[in-house]
Amino acid sequence: MKRHSVHGIYLAAGQSTRMGTNKLSLKLGGMALGNHALLAALQAGLAHVWIVTVDAKADWMDAALASDRFRTQWTLVRCPDAHSGQAHSIRCGVKAAMSAGAESVMILLADQPGVTAAMINALLCRYGQASEREEIHFAAAEFGGLARPPVICHRRMFPELLRLQGDQGARQLIRHGRPGIRIPFGSPDLFLDVDTPEDYGLLRDKENADSPPKS
């Protein structure tokens, strides 16, 4: 399995109901929250990134990501039924990746700003190495003994991904003993989900604590 055959599916169509406002537009580290994991995906070794949104725009996206440096690396995928659950976004992304001949997809969440390019590349590398030795269906990040996104799914799983319903995600499928690998990561910061104002406040507090003092 070559790294270039893995496409990214960037799930950015959530309703932000618990946040009360579009969380992807919230400021974090000098840019909108939704840009952090996307920038990591674009800087990593993915063949292409399919950004799944409710409509045909992404108001939270930083202008730098639409520059010549990155513009050919991503495509917006409209998913009007995204409000019905994450499964609809996954299905839209998988269909788009299949249309471009993807061998595998990596599912990433736009509300995980701690994801890094190094983390994505580590998953891609381990997945590629394992796929050369054996037939595997997935490679998932792991923390605290649990599989977590980002997760890579081989095309063997595409039919099942396309049958997901409601709020089901890829984790629904990889828990059932199918052949795959889990790659452990030691930092909880990589897996922070920002779902509520409290989550965002904690992240901002951490950002301020990590910032050097002003002279």
N, C-alpha and C. Protein backbone atom coordinates (compact mmCIF):
# COMPACT_ATOMS: atom_id res chain seq x y z
N MET A 1 0.84 -1.19 0.00
CA MET A 1 0.00 0.00 0.00
C MET A 1 0.87 1.23 0.00
N LYS A 2 0.77 2.07 -0.99
CA LYS A 2 1.56 3.28 -1.07
C LYS A 2 0.81 4.42 -0.41
N ARG A 3 1.58 5.29 0.23
CA ARG A 3 0.99 6.39 0.97
C ARG A 3 0.11 7.26 0.09
N HIS A 4 0.53 7.45 -1.18
CA HIS A 4 -0.20 8.38 -2.01
C HIS A 4 -1.60 7.90 -2.37
N SER A 5 -1.95 6.64 -2.07
CA SER A 5 -3.27 6.13 -2.40
C SER A 5 -4.31 6.39 -1.30
N VAL A 6 -3.90 7.02 -0.21
CA VAL A 6 -4.81 7.29 0.89
C VAL A 6 -5.34 8.72 0.78
N HIS A 7 -6.65 8.85 0.70
CA HIS A 7 -7.30 10.15 0.64
C HIS A 7 -7.85 10.51 2.02
N GLY A 8 -7.88 11.79 2.32
CA GLY A 8 -8.45 12.25 3.58
C GLY A 8 -9.90 12.64 3.42
N ILE A 9 -10.72 12.30 4.40
CA ILE A 9 -12.11 12.76 4.48
C ILE A 9 -12.21 13.61 5.74
N TYR A 10 -12.37 14.91 5.55
CA TYR A 10 -12.34 15.87 6.64
C TYR A 10 -13.78 16.25 6.99
N LEU A 11 -14.26 15.77 8.11
CA LEU A 11 -15.66 15.95 8.49
C LEU A 11 -15.86 17.32 9.14
N ALA A 12 -16.45 18.24 8.37
CA ALA A 12 -16.62 19.61 8.83
C ALA A 12 -18.06 20.09 8.65
N ALA A 13 -19.00 19.16 8.77
CA ALA A 13 -20.40 19.50 8.52
C ALA A 13 -21.27 19.41 9.77
N GLY A 14 -20.63 19.36 10.95
CA GLY A 14 -21.40 19.26 12.18
C GLY A 14 -22.23 20.50 12.45
N GLN A 15 -23.24 20.37 13.28
CA GLN A 15 -24.17 21.47 13.56
C GLN A 15 -23.76 22.33 14.74
N SER A 16 -22.74 21.90 15.51
CA SER A 16 -22.25 22.68 16.66
C SER A 16 -23.37 23.00 17.64
N THR A 17 -24.29 22.08 17.84
CA THR A 17 -25.45 22.36 18.69
C THR A 17 -25.06 22.59 20.14
N ARG A 18 -24.10 21.86 20.65
CA ARG A 18 -23.70 22.02 22.05
C ARG A 18 -22.87 23.28 22.27
N MET A 19 -22.22 23.76 21.20
CA MET A 19 -21.43 24.98 21.31
C MET A 19 -22.32 26.22 21.25
N GLY A 20 -23.41 26.14 20.48
CA GLY A 20 -24.30 27.28 20.33
C GLY A 20 -23.89 28.24 19.25
N THR A 21 -22.76 28.01 18.62
CA THR A 21 -22.28 28.78 17.49
C THR A 21 -21.36 27.89 16.67
N ASN A 22 -21.03 28.30 15.45
CA ASN A 22 -20.17 27.47 14.61
C ASN A 22 -18.78 27.36 15.23
N LYS A 23 -18.49 26.22 15.84
CA LYS A 23 -17.22 26.07 16.56
C LYS A 23 -16.01 26.12 15.64
N LEU A 24 -16.18 25.78 14.38
CA LEU A 24 -15.04 25.77 13.47
C LEU A 24 -14.54 27.18 13.19
N SER A 25 -15.37 28.19 13.45
CA SER A 25 -14.98 29.58 13.23
C SER A 25 -14.36 30.23 14.46
N LEU A 26 -14.37 29.54 15.59
CA LEU A 26 -13.81 30.11 16.81
C LEU A 26 -12.30 30.27 16.68
N LYS A 27 -11.77 31.34 17.22
CA LYS A 27 -10.35 31.63 17.09
C LYS A 27 -9.52 30.77 18.04
N LEU A 28 -8.43 30.24 17.50
CA LEU A 28 -7.52 29.43 18.29
C LEU A 28 -6.14 29.49 17.65
N GLY A 29 -5.18 29.98 18.39
CA GLY A 29 -3.81 30.00 17.88
C GLY A 29 -3.63 30.80 16.61
N GLY A 30 -4.33 31.91 16.49
CA GLY A 30 -4.13 32.79 15.35
C GLY A 30 -4.94 32.46 14.12
N MET A 31 -5.73 31.39 14.16
CA MET A 31 -6.61 31.08 13.03
C MET A 31 -7.85 30.37 13.56
N ALA A 32 -8.83 30.18 12.70
CA ALA A 32 -10.07 29.52 13.13
C ALA A 32 -9.81 28.06 13.49
N LEU A 33 -10.56 27.59 14.48
CA LEU A 33 -10.36 26.24 15.02
C LEU A 33 -10.40 25.17 13.92
N GLY A 34 -11.30 25.31 12.96
CA GLY A 34 -11.45 24.30 11.92
C GLY A 34 -10.27 24.16 11.00
N ASN A 35 -9.36 25.12 11.03
CA ASN A 35 -8.21 25.09 10.14
C ASN A 35 -7.06 24.23 10.65
N HIS A 36 -7.01 23.98 11.95
CA HIS A 36 -5.82 23.34 12.53
C HIS A 36 -5.60 21.93 12.00
N ALA A 37 -6.59 21.06 12.14
CA ALA A 37 -6.42 19.69 11.65
C ALA A 37 -6.40 19.65 10.12
N LEU A 38 -7.07 20.60 9.47
CA LEU A 38 -7.05 20.65 8.01
C LEU A 38 -5.65 21.00 7.52
N LEU A 39 -5.01 21.98 8.14
CA LEU A 39 -3.65 22.32 7.75
C LEU A 39 -2.72 21.13 7.95
N ALA A 40 -2.90 20.41 9.05
CA ALA A 40 -2.09 19.21 9.29
C ALA A 40 -2.30 18.18 8.17
N ALA A 41 -3.56 17.98 7.77
CA ALA A 41 -3.85 17.02 6.71
C ALA A 41 -3.21 17.44 5.39
N LEU A 42 -3.24 18.74 5.09
CA LEU A 42 -2.68 19.23 3.83
C LEU A 42 -1.16 19.18 3.83
N GLN A 43 -0.55 19.26 5.00
CA GLN A 43 0.90 19.20 5.09
C GLN A 43 1.43 17.77 5.16
N ALA A 44 0.54 16.83 5.38
CA ALA A 44 0.94 15.42 5.50
C ALA A 44 0.92 14.75 4.12
N GLY A 45 1.07 13.43 4.12
CA GLY A 45 1.23 12.71 2.86
C GLY A 45 -0.03 12.13 2.27
N LEU A 46 -1.17 12.78 2.49
CA LEU A 46 -2.41 12.31 1.89
C LEU A 46 -2.48 12.69 0.41
N ALA A 47 -3.10 11.84 -0.39
CA ALA A 47 -3.20 12.12 -1.82
C ALA A 47 -4.09 13.31 -2.10
N HIS A 48 -5.20 13.43 -1.38
CA HIS A 48 -6.15 14.52 -1.57
C HIS A 48 -7.01 14.57 -0.33
N VAL A 49 -7.56 15.73 -0.04
CA VAL A 49 -8.43 15.89 1.13
C VAL A 49 -9.81 16.35 0.66
N TRP A 50 -10.83 15.59 1.04
CA TRP A 50 -12.22 15.91 0.71
C TRP A 50 -12.85 16.52 1.96
N ILE A 51 -13.19 17.81 1.87
CA ILE A 51 -13.73 18.55 3.01
C ILE A 51 -15.25 18.50 2.94
N VAL A 52 -15.86 17.77 3.84
CA VAL A 52 -17.31 17.56 3.81
C VAL A 52 -17.99 18.68 4.60
N THR A 53 -18.84 19.45 3.91
CA THR A 53 -19.56 20.56 4.53
C THR A 53 -21.06 20.43 4.22
N VAL A 54 -21.86 21.20 4.95
CA VAL A 54 -23.31 21.15 4.72
C VAL A 54 -23.66 21.78 3.38
N ASP A 55 -23.00 22.89 3.08
CA ASP A 55 -23.25 23.56 1.80
C ASP A 55 -21.93 23.69 1.05
N ALA A 56 -21.95 24.39 -0.04
CA ALA A 56 -20.78 24.44 -0.91
C ALA A 56 -19.83 25.57 -0.52
N LYS A 57 -19.60 25.74 0.77
CA LYS A 57 -18.67 26.75 1.23
C LYS A 57 -18.13 26.36 2.59
N ALA A 58 -17.05 27.02 2.98
CA ALA A 58 -16.44 26.81 4.29
C ALA A 58 -15.99 28.18 4.79
N ASP A 59 -16.90 28.91 5.41
CA ASP A 59 -16.62 30.29 5.81
C ASP A 59 -15.49 30.37 6.84
N TRP A 60 -15.23 29.27 7.53
CA TRP A 60 -14.21 29.26 8.58
C TRP A 60 -12.81 29.06 8.01
N MET A 61 -12.69 28.72 6.74
CA MET A 61 -11.38 28.38 6.19
C MET A 61 -10.49 29.61 6.04
N ASP A 62 -9.25 29.47 6.47
CA ASP A 62 -8.27 30.53 6.35
C ASP A 62 -7.91 30.75 4.89
N ALA A 63 -7.76 32.01 4.51
CA ALA A 63 -7.43 32.33 3.12
C ALA A 63 -6.15 31.66 2.66
N ALA A 64 -5.22 31.42 3.59
CA ALA A 64 -3.95 30.80 3.21
C ALA A 64 -4.15 29.38 2.68
N LEU A 65 -5.19 28.71 3.14
CA LEU A 65 -5.44 27.34 2.69
C LEU A 65 -6.08 27.30 1.30
N ALA A 66 -6.55 28.45 0.83
CA ALA A 66 -7.08 28.55 -0.52
C ALA A 66 -6.05 29.13 -1.49
N SER A 67 -4.82 29.31 -1.01
CA SER A 67 -3.76 29.86 -1.85
C SER A 67 -3.25 28.80 -2.82
N ASP A 68 -2.41 29.22 -3.75
CA ASP A 68 -1.88 28.30 -4.75
C ASP A 68 -1.13 27.13 -4.12
N ARG A 69 -0.56 27.36 -2.95
CA ARG A 69 0.22 26.29 -2.30
C ARG A 69 -0.64 25.08 -1.98
N PHE A 70 -1.90 25.31 -1.58
CA PHE A 70 -2.74 24.22 -1.10
C PHE A 70 -3.96 23.94 -1.97
N ARG A 71 -4.35 24.85 -2.84
CA ARG A 71 -5.67 24.77 -3.46
C ARG A 71 -5.91 23.49 -4.24
N THR A 72 -4.89 22.91 -4.85
CA THR A 72 -5.10 21.68 -5.62
C THR A 72 -5.20 20.44 -4.74
N GLN A 73 -4.97 20.60 -3.44
CA GLN A 73 -4.92 19.45 -2.55
C GLN A 73 -6.26 19.13 -1.89
N TRP A 74 -7.26 19.99 -2.06
CA TRP A 74 -8.53 19.74 -1.39
C TRP A 74 -9.71 20.09 -2.28
N THR A 75 -10.84 19.46 -1.95
CA THR A 75 -12.10 19.71 -2.66
C THR A 75 -13.23 19.73 -1.64
N LEU A 76 -14.12 20.71 -1.75
CA LEU A 76 -15.30 20.74 -0.90
C LEU A 76 -16.34 19.74 -1.40
N VAL A 77 -16.93 19.01 -0.48
CA VAL A 77 -17.98 18.05 -0.81
C VAL A 77 -19.24 18.47 -0.07
N ARG A 78 -20.28 18.82 -0.78
CA ARG A 78 -21.52 19.24 -0.16
C ARG A 78 -22.32 18.03 0.32
N CYS A 79 -22.75 18.10 1.57
CA CYS A 79 -23.53 17.01 2.15
C CYS A 79 -24.77 17.60 2.83
N PRO A 80 -25.83 17.83 2.07
CA PRO A 80 -27.02 18.51 2.63
C PRO A 80 -27.72 17.73 3.73
N ASP A 81 -27.49 16.42 3.83
CA ASP A 81 -28.13 15.61 4.87
C ASP A 81 -27.27 15.45 6.11
N ALA A 82 -26.18 16.22 6.21
CA ALA A 82 -25.24 16.07 7.32
C ALA A 82 -25.92 16.28 8.67
N HIS A 83 -26.99 17.07 8.70
CA HIS A 83 -27.69 17.33 9.96
C HIS A 83 -28.31 16.05 10.54
N SER A 84 -28.43 15.02 9.72
CA SER A 84 -29.05 13.77 10.17
C SER A 84 -28.07 12.83 10.85
N GLY A 85 -26.80 13.23 10.95
CA GLY A 85 -25.82 12.42 11.65
C GLY A 85 -24.52 12.26 10.90
N GLN A 86 -23.47 11.91 11.64
CA GLN A 86 -22.13 11.81 11.07
C GLN A 86 -22.04 10.81 9.92
N ALA A 87 -22.85 9.76 9.98
CA ALA A 87 -22.80 8.74 8.93
C ALA A 87 -23.02 9.33 7.55
N HIS A 88 -23.89 10.34 7.46
CA HIS A 88 -24.17 10.95 6.16
C HIS A 88 -22.93 11.66 5.62
N SER A 89 -22.19 12.34 6.51
CA SER A 89 -20.96 13.01 6.09
C SER A 89 -19.92 12.00 5.62
N ILE A 90 -19.79 10.90 6.36
CA ILE A 90 -18.83 9.87 5.97
C ILE A 90 -19.19 9.30 4.60
N ARG A 91 -20.45 9.04 4.40
CA ARG A 91 -20.88 8.48 3.12
C ARG A 91 -20.60 9.44 1.97
N CYS A 92 -20.86 10.73 2.17
CA CYS A 92 -20.56 11.71 1.12
C CYS A 92 -19.07 11.74 0.81
N GLY A 93 -18.25 11.71 1.85
CA GLY A 93 -16.81 11.73 1.65
C GLY A 93 -16.29 10.49 0.97
N VAL A 94 -16.78 9.34 1.38
CA VAL A 94 -16.34 8.08 0.76
C VAL A 94 -16.71 8.04 -0.72
N LYS A 95 -17.91 8.47 -1.04
CA LYS A 95 -18.33 8.48 -2.45
C LYS A 95 -17.42 9.38 -3.28
N ALA A 96 -17.06 10.54 -2.73
CA ALA A 96 -16.17 11.46 -3.45
C ALA A 96 -14.80 10.83 -3.65
N ALA A 97 -14.26 10.21 -2.60
CA ALA A 97 -12.95 9.58 -2.70
C ALA A 97 -12.98 8.40 -3.68
N MET A 98 -14.05 7.64 -3.65
CA MET A 98 -14.18 6.52 -4.59
C MET A 98 -14.18 7.01 -6.03
N SER A 99 -14.83 8.15 -6.27
CA SER A 99 -14.90 8.69 -7.63
C SER A 99 -13.52 9.06 -8.16
N ALA A 100 -12.58 9.30 -7.23
CA ALA A 100 -11.21 9.66 -7.62
C ALA A 100 -10.26 8.47 -7.55
N GLY A 101 -10.80 7.28 -7.31
CA GLY A 101 -9.99 6.06 -7.32
C GLY A 101 -9.20 5.80 -6.05
N ALA A 102 -9.66 6.30 -4.92
CA ALA A 102 -8.93 6.11 -3.67
C ALA A 102 -8.87 4.63 -3.30
N GLU A 103 -7.69 4.19 -2.88
CA GLU A 103 -7.51 2.83 -2.37
C GLU A 103 -7.95 2.74 -0.90
N SER A 104 -7.76 3.83 -0.18
CA SER A 104 -8.09 3.90 1.24
C SER A 104 -8.45 5.33 1.58
N VAL A 105 -9.12 5.52 2.71
CA VAL A 105 -9.44 6.87 3.18
C VAL A 105 -9.03 7.00 4.63
N MET A 106 -8.64 8.21 5.01
CA MET A 106 -8.40 8.53 6.42
C MET A 106 -9.50 9.49 6.84
N ILE A 107 -10.26 9.11 7.86
CA ILE A 107 -11.34 9.95 8.36
C ILE A 107 -10.80 10.82 9.49
N LEU A 108 -10.95 12.14 9.30
CA LEU A 108 -10.47 13.12 10.27
C LEU A 108 -11.63 14.00 10.71
N LEU A 109 -11.56 14.48 11.95
CA LEU A 109 -12.61 15.34 12.51
C LEU A 109 -12.12 16.77 12.57
N ALA A 110 -12.93 17.70 12.09
CA ALA A 110 -12.54 19.10 12.07
C ALA A 110 -12.49 19.72 13.45
N ASP A 111 -13.12 19.09 14.45
CA ASP A 111 -13.11 19.64 15.80
C ASP A 111 -12.05 19.01 16.68
N GLN A 112 -11.02 18.42 16.06
CA GLN A 112 -9.86 17.91 16.78
C GLN A 112 -8.63 18.74 16.40
N PRO A 113 -8.49 19.94 16.94
CA PRO A 113 -7.42 20.82 16.50
C PRO A 113 -6.03 20.38 16.91
N GLY A 114 -5.92 19.37 17.79
CA GLY A 114 -4.61 18.89 18.21
C GLY A 114 -3.94 17.93 17.25
N VAL A 115 -4.67 17.45 16.26
CA VAL A 115 -4.08 16.52 15.29
C VAL A 115 -2.96 17.22 14.52
N THR A 116 -1.85 16.51 14.32
CA THR A 116 -0.68 17.09 13.66
C THR A 116 -0.34 16.32 12.39
N ALA A 117 0.44 16.97 11.53
CA ALA A 117 0.92 16.30 10.32
C ALA A 117 1.79 15.11 10.67
N ALA A 118 2.60 15.23 11.73
CA ALA A 118 3.45 14.12 12.15
C ALA A 118 2.61 12.92 12.57
N MET A 119 1.51 13.17 13.26
CA MET A 119 0.62 12.09 13.67
C MET A 119 0.00 11.40 12.45
N ILE A 120 -0.47 12.20 11.50
CA ILE A 120 -1.07 11.64 10.29
C ILE A 120 -0.05 10.82 9.52
N ASN A 121 1.16 11.33 9.38
CA ASN A 121 2.19 10.60 8.65
C ASN A 121 2.61 9.32 9.36
N ALA A 122 2.60 9.33 10.70
CA ALA A 122 2.91 8.12 11.45
C ALA A 122 1.87 7.04 11.17
N LEU A 123 0.60 7.44 11.12
CA LEU A 123 -0.47 6.49 10.80
C LEU A 123 -0.30 5.96 9.38
N LEU A 124 -0.02 6.84 8.44
CA LEU A 124 0.16 6.43 7.05
C LEU A 124 1.33 5.46 6.90
N CYS A 125 2.42 5.76 7.59
CA CYS A 125 3.61 4.91 7.48
C CYS A 125 3.36 3.53 8.06
N ARG A 126 2.80 3.46 9.26
CA ARG A 126 2.53 2.16 9.88
C ARG A 126 1.50 1.37 9.10
N TYR A 127 0.50 2.06 8.57
CA TYR A 127 -0.51 1.40 7.75
C TYR A 127 0.11 0.82 6.48
N GLY A 128 0.97 1.59 5.83
CA GLY A 128 1.63 1.11 4.63
C GLY A 128 2.50 -0.10 4.89
N GLN A 129 3.25 -0.07 5.99
CA GLN A 129 4.12 -1.18 6.33
C GLN A 129 3.31 -2.45 6.63
N ALA A 130 2.23 -2.28 7.39
CA ALA A 130 1.40 -3.44 7.74
C ALA A 130 0.70 -4.02 6.52
N SER A 131 0.25 -3.15 5.61
CA SER A 131 -0.47 -3.60 4.42
C SER A 131 0.43 -4.40 3.48
N GLU A 132 1.72 -4.15 3.53
CA GLU A 132 2.64 -4.90 2.69
C GLU A 132 2.84 -6.33 3.20
N ARG A 133 2.57 -6.54 4.50
CA ARG A 133 2.78 -7.86 5.10
C ARG A 133 1.51 -8.70 5.18
N GLU A 134 0.37 -8.03 5.32
CA GLU A 134 -0.87 -8.77 5.56
C GLU A 134 -2.07 -7.97 5.05
N GLU A 135 -3.19 -8.66 4.95
CA GLU A 135 -4.43 -8.01 4.51
C GLU A 135 -5.11 -7.40 5.73
N ILE A 136 -5.11 -6.09 5.79
CA ILE A 136 -5.77 -5.42 6.91
C ILE A 136 -6.86 -4.49 6.39
N HIS A 137 -7.82 -4.24 7.24
CA HIS A 137 -8.96 -3.40 6.86
C HIS A 137 -8.83 -1.97 7.36
N PHE A 138 -8.09 -1.75 8.45
CA PHE A 138 -8.04 -0.40 9.03
C PHE A 138 -6.75 -0.20 9.81
N ALA A 139 -6.47 1.07 10.06
CA ALA A 139 -5.43 1.46 11.02
C ALA A 139 -6.00 2.65 11.79
N ALA A 140 -6.04 2.52 13.10
CA ALA A 140 -6.64 3.56 13.93
C ALA A 140 -5.63 4.10 14.92
N ALA A 141 -5.75 5.37 15.24
CA ALA A 141 -5.01 5.93 16.35
C ALA A 141 -5.59 5.36 17.65
N GLU A 142 -4.74 5.27 18.66
CA GLU A 142 -5.19 4.71 19.94
C GLU A 142 -4.66 5.56 21.09
N PHE A 143 -5.53 5.80 22.06
CA PHE A 143 -5.10 6.46 23.29
C PHE A 143 -5.96 5.92 24.44
N GLY A 144 -5.32 5.63 25.54
CA GLY A 144 -6.05 5.11 26.69
C GLY A 144 -6.72 3.78 26.44
N GLY A 145 -6.14 2.98 25.53
CA GLY A 145 -6.70 1.67 25.23
C GLY A 145 -7.88 1.68 24.29
N LEU A 146 -8.25 2.86 23.76
CA LEU A 146 -9.40 2.98 22.87
C LEU A 146 -8.97 3.47 21.49
N ALA A 147 -9.57 2.90 20.45
CA ALA A 147 -9.34 3.37 19.10
C ALA A 147 -10.06 4.70 18.92
N ARG A 148 -9.37 5.65 18.28
CA ARG A 148 -9.92 7.00 18.11
C ARG A 148 -9.54 7.51 16.72
N PRO A 149 -10.28 8.49 16.20
CA PRO A 149 -9.85 9.12 14.95
C PRO A 149 -8.60 9.96 15.21
N PRO A 150 -7.79 10.10 14.14
CA PRO A 150 -7.99 9.68 12.75
C PRO A 150 -7.92 8.15 12.60
N VAL A 151 -8.68 7.66 11.64
CA VAL A 151 -8.68 6.23 11.33
C VAL A 151 -8.62 6.04 9.82
N ILE A 152 -7.80 5.10 9.38
CA ILE A 152 -7.67 4.78 7.96
C ILE A 152 -8.50 3.54 7.67
N CYS A 153 -9.29 3.60 6.62
CA CYS A 153 -10.12 2.46 6.21
C CYS A 153 -9.75 2.06 4.78
N HIS A 154 -9.43 0.78 4.59
CA HIS A 154 -9.16 0.26 3.25
C HIS A 154 -10.46 0.17 2.46
N ARG A 155 -10.34 0.13 1.16
CA ARG A 155 -11.54 0.08 0.31
C ARG A 155 -12.39 -1.16 0.58
N ARG A 156 -11.81 -2.19 1.23
CA ARG A 156 -12.62 -3.35 1.62
C ARG A 156 -13.75 -2.93 2.56
N MET A 157 -13.56 -1.82 3.25
CA MET A 157 -14.58 -1.34 4.19
C MET A 157 -15.54 -0.34 3.58
N PHE A 158 -15.31 0.08 2.34
CA PHE A 158 -16.16 1.11 1.74
C PHE A 158 -17.64 0.71 1.72
N PRO A 159 -17.99 -0.55 1.34
CA PRO A 159 -19.42 -0.89 1.34
C PRO A 159 -20.08 -0.73 2.71
N GLU A 160 -19.34 -1.08 3.77
CA GLU A 160 -19.90 -0.93 5.11
C GLU A 160 -19.97 0.53 5.54
N LEU A 161 -18.97 1.32 5.16
CA LEU A 161 -19.02 2.75 5.45
C LEU A 161 -20.23 3.39 4.78
N LEU A 162 -20.55 2.93 3.59
CA LEU A 162 -21.68 3.49 2.86
C LEU A 162 -23.03 3.04 3.42
N ARG A 163 -23.00 2.06 4.32
CA ARG A 163 -24.24 1.60 4.96
C ARG A 163 -24.43 2.18 6.36
N LEU A 164 -23.49 2.97 6.84
CA LEU A 164 -23.63 3.57 8.16
C LEU A 164 -24.88 4.45 8.21
N GLN A 165 -25.47 4.52 9.39
CA GLN A 165 -26.71 5.30 9.57
C GLN A 165 -26.57 6.23 10.77
N GLY A 166 -27.33 7.33 10.74
CA GLY A 166 -27.42 8.22 11.89
C GLY A 166 -26.07 8.76 12.31
N ASP A 167 -25.77 8.61 13.60
CA ASP A 167 -24.51 9.11 14.16
C ASP A 167 -23.43 8.05 14.22
N GLN A 168 -23.61 6.95 13.52
CA GLN A 168 -22.57 5.93 13.49
C GLN A 168 -21.34 6.46 12.77
N GLY A 169 -20.16 6.07 13.29
CA GLY A 169 -18.90 6.44 12.67
C GLY A 169 -18.07 5.21 12.38
N ALA A 170 -16.84 5.42 11.95
CA ALA A 170 -15.97 4.30 11.59
C ALA A 170 -15.67 3.41 12.79
N ARG A 171 -15.64 4.00 13.99
CA ARG A 171 -15.38 3.18 15.18
C ARG A 171 -16.43 2.09 15.36
N GLN A 172 -17.63 2.35 14.86
CA GLN A 172 -18.70 1.36 14.93
C GLN A 172 -18.29 0.07 14.22
N LEU A 173 -17.45 0.19 13.20
CA LEU A 173 -17.07 -0.96 12.38
C LEU A 173 -15.81 -1.66 12.86
N ILE A 174 -14.87 -0.90 13.41
CA ILE A 174 -13.57 -1.52 13.73
C ILE A 174 -13.57 -2.22 15.08
N ARG A 175 -14.67 -2.18 15.79
CA ARG A 175 -14.75 -2.85 17.08
C ARG A 175 -15.10 -4.33 16.97
N HIS A 176 -15.34 -4.82 15.79
CA HIS A 176 -15.91 -6.16 15.66
C HIS A 176 -14.91 -7.20 15.18
N GLY A 177 -13.66 -7.07 15.57
CA GLY A 177 -12.68 -8.12 15.36
C GLY A 177 -12.15 -8.25 13.95
N ARG A 178 -12.41 -7.29 13.08
CA ARG A 178 -11.86 -7.35 11.73
C ARG A 178 -10.35 -7.10 11.79
N PRO A 179 -9.59 -7.59 10.80
CA PRO A 179 -8.14 -7.41 10.83
C PRO A 179 -7.73 -5.96 10.66
N GLY A 180 -6.93 -5.48 11.57
CA GLY A 180 -6.47 -4.11 11.51
C GLY A 180 -5.41 -3.86 12.56
N ILE A 181 -4.92 -2.65 12.62
CA ILE A 181 -3.90 -2.30 13.60
C ILE A 181 -4.30 -1.02 14.32
N ARG A 182 -3.79 -0.89 15.53
CA ARG A 182 -3.99 0.32 16.32
C ARG A 182 -2.61 0.88 16.66
N ILE A 183 -2.44 2.16 16.43
CA ILE A 183 -1.16 2.81 16.68
C ILE A 183 -1.31 3.71 17.89
N PRO A 184 -0.63 3.39 19.00
CA PRO A 184 -0.80 4.20 20.22
C PRO A 184 -0.05 5.52 20.13
N PHE A 185 -0.68 6.55 20.67
CA PHE A 185 -0.08 7.88 20.81
C PHE A 185 -0.18 8.27 22.28
N GLY A 186 0.87 8.90 22.79
CA GLY A 186 0.95 9.13 24.22
C GLY A 186 0.37 10.43 24.73
N SER A 187 0.07 11.38 23.85
CA SER A 187 -0.38 12.69 24.30
C SER A 187 -1.89 12.84 24.18
N PRO A 188 -2.57 13.17 25.27
CA PRO A 188 -4.03 13.39 25.19
C PRO A 188 -4.37 14.63 24.38
N ASP A 189 -3.43 15.57 24.24
CA ASP A 189 -3.70 16.79 23.49
C ASP A 189 -4.03 16.51 22.03
N LEU A 190 -3.52 15.41 21.49
CA LEU A 190 -3.78 15.08 20.09
C LEU A 190 -5.25 14.76 19.84
N PHE A 191 -5.95 14.35 20.88
CA PHE A 191 -7.30 13.83 20.71
C PHE A 191 -8.39 14.73 21.30
N LEU A 192 -8.04 15.95 21.65
CA LEU A 192 -9.03 16.84 22.25
C LEU A 192 -10.15 17.15 21.26
N ASP A 193 -11.38 16.88 21.67
CA ASP A 193 -12.57 17.27 20.90
C ASP A 193 -13.09 18.58 21.48
N VAL A 194 -13.49 19.49 20.62
CA VAL A 194 -14.07 20.75 21.09
C VAL A 194 -15.56 20.72 20.74
N ASP A 195 -16.37 20.40 21.74
CA ASP A 195 -17.81 20.27 21.53
C ASP A 195 -18.63 21.32 22.27
N THR A 196 -18.10 21.82 23.38
CA THR A 196 -18.87 22.72 24.25
C THR A 196 -18.07 23.99 24.55
N PRO A 197 -18.74 25.03 25.04
CA PRO A 197 -18.00 26.23 25.47
C PRO A 197 -16.94 25.91 26.52
N GLU A 198 -17.21 24.92 27.37
CA GLU A 198 -16.24 24.54 28.39
C GLU A 198 -14.99 23.94 27.75
N ASP A 199 -15.19 23.09 26.74
CA ASP A 199 -14.05 22.52 26.01
C ASP A 199 -13.19 23.62 25.39
N TYR A 200 -13.86 24.57 24.77
CA TYR A 200 -13.15 25.67 24.12
C TYR A 200 -12.43 26.52 25.16
N GLY A 201 -13.08 26.79 26.28
CA GLY A 201 -12.44 27.57 27.33
C GLY A 201 -11.19 26.90 27.86
N LEU A 202 -11.25 25.59 28.07
CA LEU A 202 -10.08 24.85 28.55
C LEU A 202 -8.95 24.91 27.55
N LEU A 203 -9.30 24.81 26.26
CA LEU A 203 -8.28 24.86 25.22
C LEU A 203 -7.63 26.24 25.17
N ARG A 204 -8.44 27.29 25.31
CA ARG A 204 -7.89 28.64 25.31
C ARG A 204 -7.01 28.88 26.55
N ASP A 205 -7.43 28.33 27.68
CA ASP A 205 -6.63 28.45 28.90
C ASP A 205 -5.28 27.78 28.71
N LYS A 206 -5.28 26.61 28.08
CA LYS A 206 -4.04 25.90 27.83
C LYS A 206 -3.16 26.69 26.86
N GLU A 207 -3.79 27.26 25.84
CA GLU A 207 -3.06 28.06 24.86
C GLU A 207 -2.38 29.24 25.56
N ASN A 208 -3.11 29.92 26.44
CA ASN A 208 -2.55 31.07 27.14
C ASN A 208 -1.43 30.66 28.09
N ALA A 209 -1.60 29.48 28.74
CA ALA A 209 -0.58 29.00 29.66
C ALA A 209 0.70 28.63 28.93
N ASP A 210 0.55 28.14 27.69
CA ASP A 210 1.72 27.73 26.92
C ASP A 210 2.41 28.89 26.21
N SER A 211 1.73 30.04 26.15
CA SER A 211 2.30 31.19 25.45
C SER A 211 3.40 31.82 26.29
N PRO A 212 4.51 32.28 25.67
CA PRO A 212 5.57 32.92 26.43
C PRO A 212 5.08 34.24 27.01
N PRO A 213 5.54 34.62 28.18
CA PRO A 213 5.09 35.88 28.78
C PRO A 213 5.55 37.08 27.96
N LYS A 214 4.70 38.12 27.93
CA LYS A 214 5.04 39.32 27.18
C LYS A 214 6.05 40.14 27.98
N SER A 215 7.03 40.67 27.28
CA SER A 215 8.06 41.48 27.96
C SER A 215 7.58 42.92 28.15
